[in-house]
PDB file of N, CA and C in Angstrom:
ATOM      1  N   MET A   1       5.344  11.735  -4.507  1.00  0.00           N
ATOM      2  CA  MET A   1       4.588  10.724  -3.792  1.00  0.00           C
ATOM      3  C   MET A   1       5.477  10.109  -2.716  1.00  0.00           C
ATOM      4  N   LYS A   2       4.918   9.976  -1.533  1.00  0.00           N
ATOM      5  CA  LYS A   2       5.675   9.443  -0.401  1.00  0.00           C
ATOM      6  C   LYS A   2       5.627   7.913  -0.401  1.00  0.00           C
ATOM      7  N   ALA A   3       6.754   7.301  -0.156  1.00  0.00           N
ATOM      8  CA  ALA A   3       6.827   5.842  -0.111  1.00  0.00           C
ATOM      9  C   ALA A   3       6.140   5.313   1.140  1.00  0.00           C
ATOM     10  N   ALA A   4       5.611   4.098   1.038  1.00  0.00           N
ATOM     11  CA  ALA A   4       4.902   3.475   2.161  1.00  0.00           C
ATOM     12  C   ALA A   4       5.863   2.710   3.054  1.00  0.00           C
ATOM     13  N   THR A   5       6.976   3.319   3.367  1.00  0.00           N
ATOM     14  CA  THR A   5       7.939   2.708   4.276  1.00  0.00           C
ATOM     15  C   THR A   5       8.369   3.752   5.273  1.00  0.00           C
ATOM     16  N   GLY A   6       8.987   3.313   6.307  1.00  0.00           N
ATOM     17  CA  GLY A   6       9.500   4.253   7.288  1.00  0.00           C
ATOM     18  C   GLY A   6       9.260   3.745   8.693  1.00  0.00           C
ATOM     19  N   SER A   7       9.717   4.535   9.641  1.00  0.00           N
ATOM     20  CA  SER A   7       9.678   4.095  11.027  1.00  0.00           C
ATOM     21  C   SER A   7       8.303   4.249  11.671  1.00  0.00           C
ATOM     22  N   HIS A   8       7.393   5.008  11.059  1.00  0.00           N
ATOM     23  CA  HIS A   8       6.096   5.248  11.700  1.00  0.00           C
ATOM     24  C   HIS A   8       4.934   4.612  10.966  1.00  0.00           C
ATOM     25  N   ILE A   9       5.190   3.691  10.058  1.00  0.00           N
ATOM     26  CA  ILE A   9       4.125   3.094   9.257  1.00  0.00           C
ATOM     27  C   ILE A   9       3.179   2.236  10.097  1.00  0.00           C
ATOM     28  N   GLY A  10       3.652   1.673  11.177  1.00  0.00           N
ATOM     29  CA  GLY A  10       2.812   0.819  12.015  1.00  0.00           C
ATOM     30  C   GLY A  10       2.112   1.544  13.141  1.00  0.00           C
ATOM     31  N   THR A  11       2.276   2.854  13.232  1.00  0.00           N
ATOM     32  CA  THR A  11       1.680   3.615  14.326  1.00  0.00           C
ATOM     33  C   THR A  11       0.161   3.541  14.303  1.00  0.00           C
ATOM     34  N   GLY A  12      -0.423   3.621  13.119  1.00  0.00           N
ATOM     35  CA  GLY A  12      -1.885   3.572  13.008  1.00  0.00           C
ATOM     36  C   GLY A  12      -2.457   2.249  13.485  1.00  0.00           C
ATOM     37  N   THR A  13      -1.828   1.151  13.100  1.00  0.00           N
ATOM     38  CA  THR A  13      -2.333  -0.154  13.542  1.00  0.00           C
ATOM     39  C   THR A  13      -2.083  -0.350  15.036  1.00  0.00           C
ATOM     40  N   TRP A  14      -0.989   0.169  15.535  1.00  0.00           N
ATOM     41  CA  TRP A  14      -0.721   0.091  16.976  1.00  0.00           C
ATOM     42  C   TRP A  14      -1.801   0.853  17.747  1.00  0.00           C
ATOM     43  N   LEU A  15      -2.118   2.060  17.272  1.00  0.00           N
ATOM     44  CA  LEU A  15      -3.161   2.856  17.924  1.00  0.00           C
ATOM     45  C   LEU A  15      -4.518   2.162  17.839  1.00  0.00           C
ATOM     46  N   LEU A  16      -4.832   1.589  16.691  1.00  0.00           N
ATOM     47  CA  LEU A  16      -6.102   0.868  16.537  1.00  0.00           C
ATOM     48  C   LEU A  16      -6.170  -0.320  17.487  1.00  0.00           C
ATOM     49  N   GLN A  17      -5.082  -1.065  17.594  1.00  0.00           N
ATOM     50  CA  GLN A  17      -5.052  -2.234  18.483  1.00  0.00           C
ATOM     51  C   GLN A  17      -5.274  -1.807  19.936  1.00  0.00           C
ATOM     52  N   HIS A  18      -4.628  -0.735  20.340  1.00  0.00           N
ATOM     53  CA  HIS A  18      -4.757  -0.295  21.723  1.00  0.00           C
ATOM     54  C   HIS A  18      -6.100   0.388  21.995  1.00  0.00           C
ATOM     55  N   ALA A  19      -6.615   1.120  21.026  1.00  0.00           N
ATOM     56  CA  ALA A  19      -7.925   1.754  21.192  1.00  0.00           C
ATOM     57  C   ALA A  19      -9.026   0.704  21.316  1.00  0.00           C
ATOM     58  N   THR A  20      -8.957  -0.339  20.498  1.00  0.00           N
ATOM     59  CA  THR A  20      -9.966  -1.394  20.607  1.00  0.00           C
ATOM     60  C   THR A  20      -9.809  -2.180  21.907  1.00  0.00           C
ATOM     61  N   ALA A  21      -8.584  -2.339  22.379  1.00  0.00           N
ATOM     62  CA  ALA A  21      -8.373  -3.016  23.664  1.00  0.00           C
ATOM     63  C   ALA A  21      -8.997  -2.214  24.807  1.00  0.00           C
ATOM     64  N   VAL A  22      -8.840  -0.902  24.784  1.00  0.00           N
ATOM     65  CA  VAL A  22      -9.443  -0.050  25.816  1.00  0.00           C
ATOM     66  C   VAL A  22     -10.964  -0.115  25.720  1.00  0.00           C
ATOM     67  N   ALA A  23     -11.504  -0.048  24.508  1.00  0.00           N
ATOM     68  CA  ALA A  23     -12.958  -0.124  24.327  1.00  0.00           C
ATOM     69  C   ALA A  23     -13.504  -1.447  24.863  1.00  0.00           C
ATOM     70  N   LEU A  24     -12.811  -2.537  24.581  1.00  0.00           N
ATOM     71  CA  LEU A  24     -13.248  -3.850  25.071  1.00  0.00           C
ATOM     72  C   LEU A  24     -13.121  -3.942  26.587  1.00  0.00           C
ATOM     73  N   ALA A  25     -12.057  -3.374  27.137  1.00  0.00           N
ATOM     74  CA  ALA A  25     -11.866  -3.407  28.598  1.00  0.00           C
ATOM     75  C   ALA A  25     -12.948  -2.609  29.319  1.00  0.00           C
ATOM     76  N   LEU A  26     -13.481  -1.591  28.674  1.00  0.00           N
ATOM     77  CA  LEU A  26     -14.558  -0.805  29.281  1.00  0.00           C
ATOM     78  C   LEU A  26     -15.931  -1.443  29.060  1.00  0.00           C
ATOM     79  N   ALA A  27     -16.182  -1.957  27.875  1.00  0.00           N
ATOM     80  CA  ALA A  27     -17.523  -2.442  27.535  1.00  0.00           C
ATOM     81  C   ALA A  27     -17.822  -3.832  28.099  1.00  0.00           C
ATOM     82  N   LEU A  28     -16.888  -4.753  28.017  1.00  0.00           N
ATOM     83  CA  LEU A  28     -17.186  -6.139  28.383  1.00  0.00           C
ATOM     84  C   LEU A  28     -17.564  -6.334  29.854  1.00  0.00           C
ATOM     85  N   PRO A  29     -16.859  -5.722  30.813  1.00  0.00           N
ATOM     86  CA  PRO A  29     -17.309  -5.884  32.204  1.00  0.00           C
ATOM     87  C   PRO A  29     -18.710  -5.306  32.442  1.00  0.00           C
ATOM     88  N   GLY A  30     -19.002  -4.164  31.835  1.00  0.00           N
ATOM     89  CA  GLY A  30     -20.323  -3.563  31.987  1.00  0.00           C
ATOM     90  C   GLY A  30     -21.411  -4.436  31.408  1.00  0.00           C
ATOM     91  N   LEU A  31     -21.159  -4.992  30.219  1.00  0.00           N
ATOM     92  CA  LEU A  31     -22.142  -5.895  29.616  1.00  0.00           C
ATOM     93  C   LEU A  31     -22.319  -7.161  30.457  1.00  0.00           C
ATOM     94  N   ALA A  32     -21.231  -7.694  30.977  1.00  0.00           N
ATOM     95  CA  ALA A  32     -21.322  -8.904  31.806  1.00  0.00           C
ATOM     96  C   ALA A  32     -22.143  -8.642  33.062  1.00  0.00           C
ATOM     97  N   ILE A  33     -21.918  -7.523  33.698  1.00  0.00           N
ATOM     98  CA  ILE A  33     -22.689  -7.183  34.897  1.00  0.00           C
ATOM     99  C   ILE A  33     -24.161  -7.004  34.551  1.00  0.00           C
ATOM    100  N   TYR A  34     -24.450  -6.323  33.449  1.00  0.00           N
ATOM    101  CA  TYR A  34     -25.836  -6.115  33.014  1.00  0.00           C
ATOM    102  C   TYR A  34     -26.532  -7.451  32.773  1.00  0.00           C
ATOM    103  N   PHE A  35     -25.861  -8.373  32.073  1.00  0.00           N
ATOM    104  CA  PHE A  35     -26.479  -9.662  31.768  1.00  0.00           C
ATOM    105  C   PHE A  35     -26.641 -10.520  33.018  1.00  0.00           C
ATOM    106  N   LEU A  36     -25.644 -10.523  33.892  1.00  0.00           N
ATOM    107  CA  LEU A  36     -25.740 -11.330  35.108  1.00  0.00           C
ATOM    108  C   LEU A  36     -26.797 -10.791  36.066  1.00  0.00           C
ATOM    109  N   ALA A  37     -26.986  -9.486  36.094  1.00  0.00           N
ATOM    110  CA  ALA A  37     -27.994  -8.896  36.970  1.00  0.00           C
ATOM    111  C   ALA A  37     -29.405  -9.176  36.465  1.00  0.00           C
ATOM    112  N   ALA A  38     -29.584  -9.281  35.153  1.00  0.00           N
ATOM    113  CA  ALA A  38     -30.917  -9.440  34.580  1.00  0.00           C
ATOM    114  C   ALA A  38     -31.242 -10.882  34.201  1.00  0.00           C
ATOM    115  N   LEU A  39     -30.301 -11.733  34.162  1.00  0.00           N
ATOM    116  CA  LEU A  39     -30.389 -13.130  33.735  1.00  0.00           C
ATOM    117  C   LEU A  39     -31.808 -13.680  33.584  1.00  0.00           C
ATOM    118  N   PRO A  40     -32.375 -13.579  32.393  1.00  0.00           N
ATOM    119  CA  PRO A  40     -33.736 -14.071  32.177  1.00  0.00           C
ATOM    120  C   PRO A  40     -33.781 -15.594  32.066  1.00  0.00           C
ATOM    121  N   PHE A  41     -34.969 -16.137  32.295  1.00  0.00           N
ATOM    122  CA  PHE A  41     -35.126 -17.589  32.275  1.00  0.00           C
ATOM    123  C   PHE A  41     -35.931 -18.098  31.087  1.00  0.00           C
ATOM    124  N   ASP A  42     -36.587 -17.208  30.362  1.00  0.00           N
ATOM    125  CA  ASP A  42     -37.378 -17.644  29.224  1.00  0.00           C
ATOM    126  C   ASP A  42     -37.128 -16.742  28.021  1.00  0.00           C
ATOM    127  N   PHE A  43     -37.711 -17.111  26.889  1.00  0.00           N
ATOM    128  CA  PHE A  43     -37.465 -16.388  25.646  1.00  0.00           C
ATOM    129  C   PHE A  43     -37.944 -14.946  25.719  1.00  0.00           C
ATOM    130  N   SER A  44     -39.114 -14.728  26.304  1.00  0.00           N
ATOM    131  CA  SER A  44     -39.628 -13.362  26.392  1.00  0.00           C
ATOM    132  C   SER A  44     -38.741 -12.501  27.294  1.00  0.00           C
ATOM    133  N   GLY A  45     -38.147 -13.108  28.296  1.00  0.00           N
ATOM    134  CA  GLY A  45     -37.197 -12.385  29.145  1.00  0.00           C
ATOM    135  C   GLY A  45     -35.950 -11.971  28.376  1.00  0.00           C
ATOM    136  N   TRP A  46     -35.450 -12.871  27.519  1.00  0.00           N
ATOM    137  CA  TRP A  46     -34.290 -12.535  26.689  1.00  0.00           C
ATOM    138  C   TRP A  46     -34.641 -11.444  25.690  1.00  0.00           C
ATOM    139  N   GLN A  47     -35.845 -11.496  25.118  1.00  0.00           N
ATOM    140  CA  GLN A  47     -36.268 -10.443  24.193  1.00  0.00           C
ATOM    141  C   GLN A  47     -36.326  -9.098  24.904  1.00  0.00           C
ATOM    142  N   ALA A  48     -36.872  -9.093  26.111  1.00  0.00           N
ATOM    143  CA  ALA A  48     -36.960  -7.845  26.873  1.00  0.00           C
ATOM    144  C   ALA A  48     -35.568  -7.331  27.239  1.00  0.00           C
ATOM    145  N   LEU A  49     -34.648  -8.238  27.506  1.00  0.00           N
ATOM    146  CA  LEU A  49     -33.289  -7.847  27.860  1.00  0.00           C
ATOM    147  C   LEU A  49     -32.614  -7.091  26.711  1.00  0.00           C
ATOM    148  N   PHE A  50     -32.867  -7.530  25.483  1.00  0.00           N
ATOM    149  CA  PHE A  50     -32.227  -6.915  24.320  1.00  0.00           C
ATOM    150  C   PHE A  50     -33.092  -5.840  23.661  1.00  0.00           C
ATOM    151  N   ALA A  51     -34.186  -5.457  24.278  1.00  0.00           N
ATOM    152  CA  ALA A  51     -35.082  -4.449  23.699  1.00  0.00           C
ATOM    153  C   ALA A  51     -34.482  -3.044  23.670  1.00  0.00           C
ATOM    154  N   PRO A  52     -33.756  -2.599  24.691  1.00  0.00           N
ATOM    155  CA  PRO A  52     -33.246  -1.212  24.657  1.00  0.00           C
ATOM    156  C   PRO A  52     -32.272  -0.982  23.500  1.00  0.00           C
ATOM    157  N   LEU A  53     -32.492   0.099  22.785  1.00  0.00           N
ATOM    158  CA  LEU A  53     -31.632   0.440  21.647  1.00  0.00           C
ATOM    159  C   LEU A  53     -30.181   0.643  22.080  1.00  0.00           C
ATOM    160  N   TRP A  54     -29.961   1.273  23.243  1.00  0.00           N
ATOM    161  CA  TRP A  54     -28.597   1.548  23.689  1.00  0.00           C
ATOM    162  C   TRP A  54     -27.813   0.245  23.864  1.00  0.00           C
ATOM    163  N   LEU A  55     -28.495  -0.828  24.311  1.00  0.00           N
ATOM    164  CA  LEU A  55     -27.809  -2.103  24.519  1.00  0.00           C
ATOM    165  C   LEU A  55     -27.430  -2.731  23.184  1.00  0.00           C
ATOM    166  N   ARG A  56     -28.350  -2.690  22.233  1.00  0.00           N
ATOM    167  CA  ARG A  56     -28.055  -3.267  20.922  1.00  0.00           C
ATOM    168  C   ARG A  56     -26.917  -2.509  20.242  1.00  0.00           C
ATOM    169  N   VAL A  57     -26.914  -1.189  20.350  1.00  0.00           N
ATOM    170  CA  VAL A  57     -25.834  -0.387  19.751  1.00  0.00           C
ATOM    171  C   VAL A  57     -24.512  -0.681  20.457  1.00  0.00           C
ATOM    172  N   LEU A  58     -24.536  -0.723  21.785  1.00  0.00           N
ATOM    173  CA  LEU A  58     -23.313  -1.021  22.535  1.00  0.00           C
ATOM    174  C   LEU A  58     -22.764  -2.402  22.191  1.00  0.00           C
ATOM    175  N   MET A  59     -23.642  -3.389  22.071  1.00  0.00           N
ATOM    176  CA  MET A  59     -23.179  -4.737  21.718  1.00  0.00           C
ATOM    177  C   MET A  59     -22.588  -4.763  20.317  1.00  0.00           C
ATOM    178  N   LEU A  60     -23.216  -4.063  19.377  1.00  0.00           N
ATOM    179  CA  LEU A  60     -22.704  -4.039  18.013  1.00  0.00           C
ATOM    180  C   LEU A  60     -21.356  -3.320  17.946  1.00  0.00           C
ATOM    181  N   LEU A  61     -21.223  -2.208  18.666  1.00  0.00           N
ATOM    182  CA  LEU A  61     -19.941  -1.498  18.699  1.00  0.00           C
ATOM    183  C   LEU A  61     -18.856  -2.341  19.378  1.00  0.00           C
ATOM    184  N   THR A  62     -19.231  -3.065  20.420  1.00  0.00           N
ATOM    185  CA  THR A  62     -18.273  -3.935  21.104  1.00  0.00           C
ATOM    186  C   THR A  62     -17.811  -5.054  20.183  1.00  0.00           C
ATOM    187  N   MET A  63     -18.754  -5.635  19.432  1.00  0.00           N
ATOM    188  CA  MET A  63     -18.391  -6.692  18.490  1.00  0.00           C
ATOM    189  C   MET A  63     -17.508  -6.149  17.371  1.00  0.00           C
ATOM    190  N   ALA A  64     -17.805  -4.937  16.909  1.00  0.00           N
ATOM    191  CA  ALA A  64     -16.964  -4.320  15.873  1.00  0.00           C
ATOM    192  C   ALA A  64     -15.553  -4.075  16.406  1.00  0.00           C
ATOM    193  N   ALA A  65     -15.450  -3.616  17.662  1.00  0.00           N
ATOM    194  CA  ALA A  65     -14.131  -3.416  18.272  1.00  0.00           C
ATOM    195  C   ALA A  65     -13.392  -4.743  18.406  1.00  0.00           C
ATOM    196  N   LEU A  66     -14.113  -5.793  18.786  1.00  0.00           N
ATOM    197  CA  LEU A  66     -13.499  -7.120  18.907  1.00  0.00           C
ATOM    198  C   LEU A  66     -13.012  -7.614  17.543  1.00  0.00           C
ATOM    199  N   ALA A  67     -13.822  -7.405  16.505  1.00  0.00           N
ATOM    200  CA  ALA A  67     -13.430  -7.836  15.161  1.00  0.00           C
ATOM    201  C   ALA A  67     -12.199  -7.069  14.678  1.00  0.00           C
ATOM    202  N   LEU A  68     -12.170  -5.757  14.889  1.00  0.00           N
ATOM    203  CA  LEU A  68     -10.997  -4.971  14.492  1.00  0.00           C
ATOM    204  C   LEU A  68      -9.753  -5.403  15.271  1.00  0.00           C
ATOM    205  N   HIS A  69      -9.925  -5.636  16.563  1.00  0.00           N
ATOM    206  CA  HIS A  69      -8.816  -6.072  17.410  1.00  0.00           C
ATOM    207  C   HIS A  69      -8.265  -7.419  16.910  1.00  0.00           C
ATOM    208  N   ALA A  70      -9.174  -8.337  16.616  1.00  0.00           N
ATOM    209  CA  ALA A  70      -8.758  -9.650  16.112  1.00  0.00           C
ATOM    210  C   ALA A  70      -8.096  -9.525  14.744  1.00  0.00           C
ATOM    211  N   TRP A  71      -8.643  -8.665  13.882  1.00  0.00           N
ATOM    212  CA  TRP A  71      -8.065  -8.500  12.549  1.00  0.00           C
ATOM    213  C   TRP A  71      -6.634  -7.997  12.619  1.00  0.00           C
ATOM    214  N   VAL A  72      -6.379  -6.983  13.423  1.00  0.00           N
ATOM    215  CA  VAL A  72      -5.020  -6.436  13.524  1.00  0.00           C
ATOM    216  C   VAL A  72      -4.064  -7.510  14.045  1.00  0.00           C
ATOM    217  N   GLY A  73      -4.481  -8.250  15.046  1.00  0.00           N
ATOM    218  CA  GLY A  73      -3.629  -9.305  15.592  1.00  0.00           C
ATOM    219  C   GLY A  73      -3.344 -10.409  14.589  1.00  0.00           C
ATOM    220  N   MET A  74      -4.389 -10.872  13.904  1.00  0.00           N
ATOM    221  CA  MET A  74      -4.194 -11.950  12.925  1.00  0.00           C
ATOM    222  C   MET A  74      -3.371 -11.471  11.734  1.00  0.00           C
ATOM    223  N   ARG A  75      -3.619 -10.238  11.287  1.00  0.00           N
ATOM    224  CA  ARG A  75      -2.852  -9.686  10.170  1.00  0.00           C
ATOM    225  C   ARG A  75      -1.365  -9.638  10.513  1.00  0.00           C
ATOM    226  N   ASP A  76      -1.050  -9.217  11.732  1.00  0.00           N
ATOM    227  CA  ASP A  76       0.357  -9.162  12.147  1.00  0.00           C
ATOM    228  C   ASP A  76       0.972 -10.554  12.221  1.00  0.00           C
ATOM    229  N   ILE A  77       0.214 -11.510  12.728  1.00  0.00           N
ATOM    230  CA  ILE A  77       0.722 -12.888  12.791  1.00  0.00           C
ATOM    231  C   ILE A  77       0.988 -13.413  11.389  1.00  0.00           C
ATOM    232  N   PHE A  78       0.034 -13.208  10.477  1.00  0.00           N
ATOM    233  CA  PHE A  78       0.224 -13.694   9.106  1.00  0.00           C
ATOM    234  C   PHE A  78       1.398 -12.994   8.425  1.00  0.00           C
ATOM    235  N   MET A  79       1.538 -11.689   8.645  1.00  0.00           N
ATOM    236  CA  MET A  79       2.660 -10.962   8.029  1.00  0.00           C
ATOM    237  C   MET A  79       4.000 -11.474   8.544  1.00  0.00           C
ATOM    238  N   ASP A  80       4.061 -11.844   9.818  1.00  0.00           N
ATOM    239  CA  ASP A  80       5.325 -12.280  10.408  1.00  0.00           C
ATOM    240  C   ASP A  80       5.662 -13.737  10.105  1.00  0.00           C
ATOM    241  N   TYR A  81       4.645 -14.606  10.020  1.00  0.00           N
ATOM    242  CA  TYR A  81       4.924 -16.041   9.989  1.00  0.00           C
ATOM    243  C   TYR A  81       4.486 -16.774   8.733  1.00  0.00           C
ATOM    244  N   VAL A  82       3.658 -16.181   7.892  1.00  0.00           N
ATOM    245  CA  VAL A  82       3.236 -16.848   6.654  1.00  0.00           C
ATOM    246  C   VAL A  82       3.944 -16.141   5.501  1.00  0.00           C
ATOM    247  N   HIS A  83       4.937 -16.801   4.941  1.00  0.00           N
ATOM    248  CA  HIS A  83       5.787 -16.157   3.949  1.00  0.00           C
ATOM    249  C   HIS A  83       5.294 -16.354   2.523  1.00  0.00           C
ATOM    250  N   HIS A  84       4.505 -17.368   2.281  1.00  0.00           N
ATOM    251  CA  HIS A  84       3.960 -17.593   0.942  1.00  0.00           C
ATOM    252  C   HIS A  84       2.810 -16.613   0.711  1.00  0.00           C
ATOM    253  N   THR A  85       2.951 -15.755  -0.282  1.00  0.00           N
ATOM    254  CA  THR A  85       2.002 -14.667  -0.508  1.00  0.00           C
ATOM    255  C   THR A  85       0.588 -15.166  -0.774  1.00  0.00           C
ATOM    256  N   GLY A  86       0.442 -16.180  -1.590  1.00  0.00           N
ATOM    257  CA  GLY A  86      -0.888 -16.706  -1.911  1.00  0.00           C
ATOM    258  C   GLY A  86      -1.593 -17.245  -0.677  1.00  0.00           C
ATOM    259  N   LEU A  87      -0.868 -17.985   0.140  1.00  0.00           N
ATOM    260  CA  LEU A  87      -1.449 -18.526   1.365  1.00  0.00           C
ATOM    261  C   LEU A  87      -1.813 -17.403   2.328  1.00  0.00           C
ATOM    262  N   ARG A  88      -0.943 -16.418   2.446  1.00  0.00           N
ATOM    263  CA  ARG A  88      -1.208 -15.281   3.335  1.00  0.00           C
ATOM    264  C   ARG A  88      -2.472 -14.533   2.894  1.00  0.00           C
ATOM    265  N   LEU A  89      -2.627 -14.314   1.601  1.00  0.00           N
ATOM    266  CA  LEU A  89      -3.824 -13.632   1.095  1.00  0.00           C
ATOM    267  C   LEU A  89      -5.081 -14.471   1.323  1.00  0.00           C
ATOM    268  N   ALA A  90      -4.972 -15.774   1.157  1.00  0.00           N
ATOM    269  CA  ALA A  90      -6.116 -16.654   1.409  1.00  0.00           C
ATOM    270  C   ALA A  90      -6.506 -16.611   2.892  1.00  0.00           C
ATOM    271  N   LEU A  91      -5.525 -16.588   3.770  1.00  0.00           N
ATOM    272  CA  LEU A  91      -5.800 -16.492   5.203  1.00  0.00           C
ATOM    273  C   LEU A  91      -6.418 -15.143   5.557  1.00  0.00           C
ATOM    274  N   TYR A  92      -5.911 -14.066   4.939  1.00  0.00           N
ATOM    275  CA  TYR A  92      -6.513 -12.746   5.141  1.00  0.00           C
ATOM    276  C   TYR A  92      -7.998 -12.783   4.775  1.00  0.00           C
ATOM    277  N   LEU A  93      -8.281 -13.340   3.614  1.00  0.00           N
ATOM    278  CA  LEU A  93      -9.659 -13.398   3.141  1.00  0.00           C
ATOM    279  C   LEU A  93     -10.536 -14.217   4.091  1.00  0.00           C
ATOM    280  N   ALA A  94     -10.030 -15.349   4.550  1.00  0.00           N
ATOM    281  CA  ALA A  94     -10.796 -16.198   5.461  1.00  0.00           C
ATOM    282  C   ALA A  94     -11.104 -15.470   6.766  1.00  0.00           C
ATOM    283  N   VAL A  95     -10.125 -14.764   7.295  1.00  0.00           N
ATOM    284  CA  VAL A  95     -10.333 -14.037   8.549  1.00  0.00           C
ATOM    285  C   VAL A  95     -11.307 -12.878   8.341  1.00  0.00           C
ATOM    286  N   ILE A  96     -11.153 -12.140   7.248  1.00  0.00           N
ATOM    287  CA  ILE A  96     -12.046 -11.012   6.976  1.00  0.00           C
ATOM    288  C   ILE A  96     -13.489 -11.493   6.815  1.00  0.00           C
ATOM    289  N   VAL A  97     -13.689 -12.553   6.056  1.00  0.00           N
ATOM    290  CA  VAL A  97     -15.041 -13.077   5.851  1.00  0.00           C
ATOM    291  C   VAL A  97     -15.633 -13.558   7.171  1.00  0.00           C
ATOM    292  N   THR A  98     -14.848 -14.237   7.980  1.00  0.00           N
ATOM    293  CA  THR A  98     -15.330 -14.731   9.266  1.00  0.00           C
ATOM    294  C   THR A  98     -15.694 -13.584  10.204  1.00  0.00           C
ATOM    295  N   LEU A  99     -14.822 -12.590  10.323  1.00  0.00           N
ATOM    296  CA  LEU A  99     -15.087 -11.475  11.234  1.00  0.00           C
ATOM    297  C   LEU A  99     -16.242 -10.605  10.746  1.00  0.00           C
ATOM    298  N   ALA A 100     -16.249 -10.272   9.468  1.00  0.00           N
ATOM    299  CA  ALA A 100     -17.346  -9.454   8.930  1.00  0.00           C
ATOM    300  C   ALA A 100     -18.669 -10.211   9.008  1.00  0.00           C
ATOM    301  N   GLY A 101     -18.636 -11.494   8.734  1.00  0.00           N
ATOM    302  CA  GLY A 101     -19.842 -12.312   8.847  1.00  0.00           C
ATOM    303  C   GLY A 101     -20.353 -12.373  10.271  1.00  0.00           C
ATOM    304  N   SER A 102     -19.458 -12.440  11.224  1.00  0.00           N
ATOM    305  CA  SER A 102     -19.861 -12.476  12.632  1.00  0.00           C
ATOM    306  C   SER A 102     -20.526 -11.167  13.056  1.00  0.00           C
ATOM    307  N   VAL A 103     -19.957 -10.049  12.633  1.00  0.00           N
ATOM    308  CA  VAL A 103     -20.550  -8.748  12.963  1.00  0.00           C
ATOM    309  C   VAL A 103     -21.922  -8.611  12.294  1.00  0.00           C
ATOM    310  N   ALA A 104     -22.020  -9.015  11.025  1.00  0.00           N
ATOM    311  CA  ALA A 104     -23.300  -8.936  10.312  1.00  0.00           C
ATOM    312  C   ALA A 104     -24.339  -9.851  10.953  1.00  0.00           C
ATOM    313  N   TRP A 105     -23.927 -11.052  11.348  1.00  0.00           N
ATOM    314  CA  TRP A 105     -24.847 -11.989  11.998  1.00  0.00           C
ATOM    315  C   TRP A 105     -25.353 -11.412  13.319  1.00  0.00           C
ATOM    316  N   LEU A 106     -24.481 -10.808  14.101  1.00  0.00           N
ATOM    317  CA  LEU A 106     -24.915 -10.197  15.369  1.00  0.00           C
ATOM    318  C   LEU A 106     -25.892  -9.064  15.109  1.00  0.00           C
ATOM    319  N   ALA A 107     -25.594  -8.226  14.124  1.00  0.00           N
ATOM    320  CA  ALA A 107     -26.494  -7.106  13.803  1.00  0.00           C
ATOM    321  C   ALA A 107     -27.860  -7.630  13.395  1.00  0.00           C
ATOM    322  N   ALA A 108     -27.885  -8.634  12.547  1.00  0.00           N
ATOM    323  CA  ALA A 108     -29.160  -9.212  12.102  1.00  0.00           C
ATOM    324  C   ALA A 108     -29.920  -9.819  13.274  1.00  0.00           C
ATOM    325  N   THR A 109     -29.209 -10.487  14.158  1.00  0.00           N
ATOM    326  CA  THR A 109     -29.843 -11.104  15.320  1.00  0.00           C
ATOM    327  C   THR A 109     -30.388 -10.052  16.283  1.00  0.00           C
ATOM    328  N   LEU A 110     -29.594  -9.043  16.565  1.00  0.00           N
ATOM    329  CA  LEU A 110     -30.033  -7.999  17.509  1.00  0.00           C
ATOM    330  C   LEU A 110     -31.235  -7.235  16.994  1.00  0.00           C
ATOM    331  N   TRP A 111     -31.260  -6.947  15.705  1.00  0.00           N
ATOM    332  CA  TRP A 111     -32.368  -6.145  15.179  1.00  0.00           C
ATOM    333  C   TRP A 111     -33.556  -7.003  14.756  1.00  0.00           C
ATOM    334  N   SER A 112     -33.408  -8.317  14.744  1.00  0.00           N
ATOM    335  CA  SER A 112     -34.569  -9.163  14.452  1.00  0.00           C
ATOM    336  C   SER A 112     -35.446  -9.311  15.703  1.00  0.00           C
ATOM    337  N   THR A 113     -34.897  -9.036  16.865  1.00  0.00           N
ATOM    338  CA  THR A 113     -35.665  -9.163  18.108  1.00  0.00           C
ATOM    339  C   THR A 113     -36.428  -7.891  18.419  1.00  0.00           C
ATOM    340  N   ALA A 114     -36.154  -6.809  17.704  1.00  0.00           N
ATOM    341  CA  ALA A 114     -36.790  -5.520  18.007  1.00  0.00           C
ATOM    342  C   ALA A 114     -38.232  -5.491  17.548  1.00  0.00           C
TER     343      ALA A 114
END
């Protein structure tokens, strides 16, 4: 069995952090332009804006990328600066619940308008 130590153990999280950063850099400007170009003024306009399936999927994937990006960053901060194990685990749990809840809330909101 291989030990979980070594010089390349952080490569996966580094790749995940950078992959999500690229995904966010590509998706967020496009979404901003789409929303600013269509800027509805009433509720039915907002419903029509979010009607296309491709937009709802893109928004959900973008939010998932944002949550993963935030998780990797917060996990690294907690690993580096929170030395008490119990507190670090409690912070991990709080961040995971907040991020997963945010993604679930967005999914529920996007698909409730369909």
